[in-house]
Protein backbone atom coordinates (compact mmCIF):
# COMPACT_ATOMS: atom_id res chain seq x y z
CA MET A 1 -2.89 -29.35 -22.68
CA VAL A 2 -3.50 -26.12 -24.87
CA ARG A 3 -6.31 -26.41 -27.04
CA ALA A 4 -5.75 -25.39 -30.88
CA THR A 5 -8.19 -22.94 -32.48
CA ARG A 6 -9.48 -23.59 -35.92
CA ASN A 7 -6.62 -21.77 -37.59
CA GLY A 8 -4.11 -23.97 -35.74
CA GLU A 9 -2.99 -21.32 -33.31
CA PRO A 10 -2.75 -22.20 -29.54
CA GLY A 11 -6.09 -21.44 -27.84
CA ARG A 12 -7.16 -21.58 -24.06
CA PRO A 13 -5.88 -24.12 -21.77
CA SER A 14 -7.94 -27.26 -21.48
CA ASP A 15 -9.87 -27.99 -18.31
CA GLY A 16 -7.14 -30.24 -16.94
CA GLU A 17 -4.28 -27.67 -17.37
CA PRO A 18 -3.68 -24.88 -14.86
CA ARG A 19 -4.09 -21.39 -16.46
CA GLY A 20 -0.95 -19.48 -17.22
CA THR A 21 1.11 -22.49 -18.25
CA GLY A 22 0.74 -22.02 -21.94
CA ALA A 23 2.43 -19.64 -24.30
CA ALA A 24 1.62 -15.98 -23.62
CA HIS A 25 -0.91 -14.26 -25.87
CA PRO A 26 -0.25 -10.81 -26.92
CA GLN A 27 -3.80 -9.73 -25.99
CA ASN A 28 -3.28 -11.13 -22.51
CA ASP A 29 0.00 -9.10 -22.21
CA ALA A 30 -1.84 -5.92 -23.45
CA ASP A 31 -4.65 -6.61 -20.86
CA ALA A 32 -2.06 -6.92 -18.10
CA LYS A 33 -0.21 -3.73 -19.03
CA GLY A 34 -3.72 -1.99 -19.18
CA HIS A 35 -4.25 -2.88 -15.51
CA VAL A 36 -0.86 -1.68 -14.19
CA PRO A 37 -2.13 1.96 -13.83
CA MET A 38 -5.26 0.57 -11.83
CA LEU A 39 -3.03 -1.60 -9.71
CA ILE A 40 -0.69 1.26 -8.94
CA GLY A 41 -3.77 3.45 -8.22
CA LEU A 42 -5.00 0.87 -5.83
CA ILE A 43 -1.52 0.53 -4.14
CA LEU A 44 -1.48 4.39 -3.78
CA VAL A 45 -4.88 4.56 -2.16
CA SER A 46 -3.92 1.83 0.30
CA VAL A 47 -0.69 3.75 1.04
CA ILE A 48 -2.38 7.14 1.47
CA LEU A 49 -5.25 5.52 3.74
CA ALA A 50 -2.30 3.96 5.81
CA ALA A 51 -0.44 7.23 6.15
CA THR A 52 -3.53 9.09 7.17
CA ALA A 53 -4.22 6.41 9.63
CA GLN A 54 -0.77 6.89 11.16
CA LEU A 55 -1.23 10.66 11.41
CA THR A 56 -4.72 10.23 12.88
CA LEU A 57 -3.42 7.70 15.52
CA LYS A 58 -0.48 10.03 16.35
CA TYR A 59 -3.04 12.94 16.83
CA GLY A 60 -5.04 10.67 19.07
CA MET A 61 -2.27 9.58 21.17
CA ASN A 62 -1.01 13.26 21.50
CA HIS A 63 -4.47 13.90 23.04
CA VAL A 64 -4.20 10.88 25.36
CA ARG A 65 -0.62 12.12 26.54
CA GLN A 66 -2.24 15.53 27.24
CA GLU A 67 -4.80 13.90 29.42
CA THR A 68 -2.74 11.34 31.25
CA GLY A 69 0.80 12.11 30.56
CA VAL A 70 3.06 9.20 29.36
CA LEU A 71 1.02 6.09 28.32
CA LYS A 72 1.10 3.54 31.17
CA LEU A 73 -0.53 0.29 31.56
CA SER A 74 -3.21 1.74 33.94
CA GLY A 75 -6.90 2.01 33.90
CA GLU A 76 -6.90 5.63 33.26
CA SER A 77 -4.50 5.29 30.19
CA LEU A 78 -6.52 2.59 28.68
CA ARG A 79 -9.79 4.38 29.27
CA SER A 80 -8.33 7.50 27.67
CA VAL A 81 -7.10 5.44 24.71
CA VAL A 82 -10.45 3.67 24.16
CA THR A 83 -12.68 6.85 24.44
CA THR A 84 -10.43 8.94 21.99
CA PRO A 85 -12.41 9.34 18.75
CA ALA A 86 -9.21 9.96 16.67
CA ILE A 87 -7.57 6.56 17.65
CA TRP A 88 -10.95 4.87 16.43
CA GLY A 89 -10.68 6.88 13.34
CA GLY A 90 -7.07 5.78 12.75
CA LEU A 91 -7.99 2.20 13.28
CA ALA A 92 -10.88 2.34 10.99
CA LEU A 93 -8.67 3.93 8.31
CA PHE A 94 -6.22 1.12 8.77
CA GLY A 95 -9.15 -1.23 8.19
CA ILE A 96 -10.09 0.33 4.96
CA SER A 97 -6.29 0.44 3.86
CA ALA A 98 -6.13 -3.32 4.60
CA ALA A 99 -9.23 -4.00 2.50
CA VAL A 100 -7.67 -2.19 -0.47
CA TRP A 101 -4.33 -3.82 0.26
CA LEU A 102 -6.10 -7.28 0.06
CA ALA A 103 -7.49 -6.15 -3.41
CA VAL A 104 -3.72 -5.32 -4.55
CA LEU A 105 -2.54 -8.69 -3.41
CA SER A 106 -5.12 -10.50 -5.29
CA ARG A 107 -3.65 -8.73 -8.47
CA ALA A 108 0.06 -8.54 -7.90
CA SER A 109 3.08 -10.29 -6.36
CA LEU A 110 4.02 -9.05 -2.88
CA SER A 111 7.70 -8.42 -4.10
CA PHE A 112 6.06 -5.94 -6.60
CA ALA A 113 3.65 -4.32 -4.25
CA TYR A 114 5.30 -4.11 -0.89
CA PRO A 115 7.99 -1.71 -1.77
CA PHE A 116 5.41 0.96 -2.46
CA VAL A 117 4.38 0.83 1.26
CA SER A 118 7.67 2.78 1.95
CA LEU A 119 5.73 5.79 0.33
CA THR A 120 4.09 6.14 3.81
CA TYR A 121 7.29 7.31 5.22
CA VAL A 122 7.57 9.98 2.31
CA LEU A 123 3.84 11.10 2.87
CA ILE A 124 4.62 11.50 6.55
CA LEU A 125 7.81 13.38 6.03
CA LEU A 126 6.06 15.81 3.67
CA PHE A 127 3.19 16.11 6.37
CA ASP A 128 5.80 17.04 8.84
CA MET A 129 7.42 19.70 6.66
CA PHE A 130 4.56 21.33 5.05
CA ILE A 131 1.78 20.95 7.65
CA LEU A 132 3.65 20.98 10.93
CA HIS A 133 6.61 23.08 9.46
CA GLU A 134 9.27 20.93 11.15
CA ASP A 135 12.71 20.97 9.94
CA VAL A 136 13.80 17.97 7.62
CA SER A 137 17.26 17.18 7.38
CA VAL A 138 19.32 16.52 4.30
CA VAL A 139 19.87 12.91 5.50
CA ARG A 140 16.12 12.35 5.55
CA TRP A 141 15.77 13.92 2.11
CA ALA A 142 18.41 11.67 0.74
CA GLY A 143 16.54 8.65 2.17
CA VAL A 144 13.47 9.86 0.35
CA ALA A 145 15.43 10.05 -2.83
CA LEU A 146 16.64 6.47 -2.40
CA ILE A 147 13.01 5.35 -1.68
CA ALA A 148 11.61 7.12 -4.78
CA GLY A 149 14.36 5.66 -7.01
CA GLY A 150 13.86 2.15 -5.69
CA ILE A 151 10.06 2.40 -6.18
CA ALA A 152 10.70 3.73 -9.70
CA LEU A 153 12.84 0.63 -10.35
CA VAL A 154 10.25 -1.86 -8.85
CA ALA A 155 7.48 -0.16 -11.02
CA GLN A 156 9.19 -0.99 -14.14
CA THR A 157 9.16 -4.80 -13.39
CA PRO A 158 6.41 -7.17 -14.17
CA HIS A 159 3.80 -7.26 -11.40
CA THR A 160 2.98 -10.95 -11.28
């Protein structure tokens, strides 16, 4: 049950009622809107860390391939993977990204946050183009445009 304040307006939910079931308060709505930039920031940090982890793992696996050829289920390949610092670095970055992602999930619904993960593809594509100077086809750019449009739409929706 929602308690009434001295002036008769709805107050906080009583101890027996779950929070969030009463009428919305303008102050709470303003607080939620103020947290959206921080939420988006956390999502972007997680996405950037995940993309960097992917790039680091790729670098490490390229090193392994140079040492052992195609990765096989052999002692030599496994030893090379386990002793490659870039692979450990990529896994550590994934761990940090996961920790940040947990903070995101504690603040937003999965259906709001998860579409932003597709930005990792955009970041990888930009890395390929500007750092590795690889050709990027028009079809891939069209895919990036669709991803960006979808994320822009999702970002306009409530995050809880």
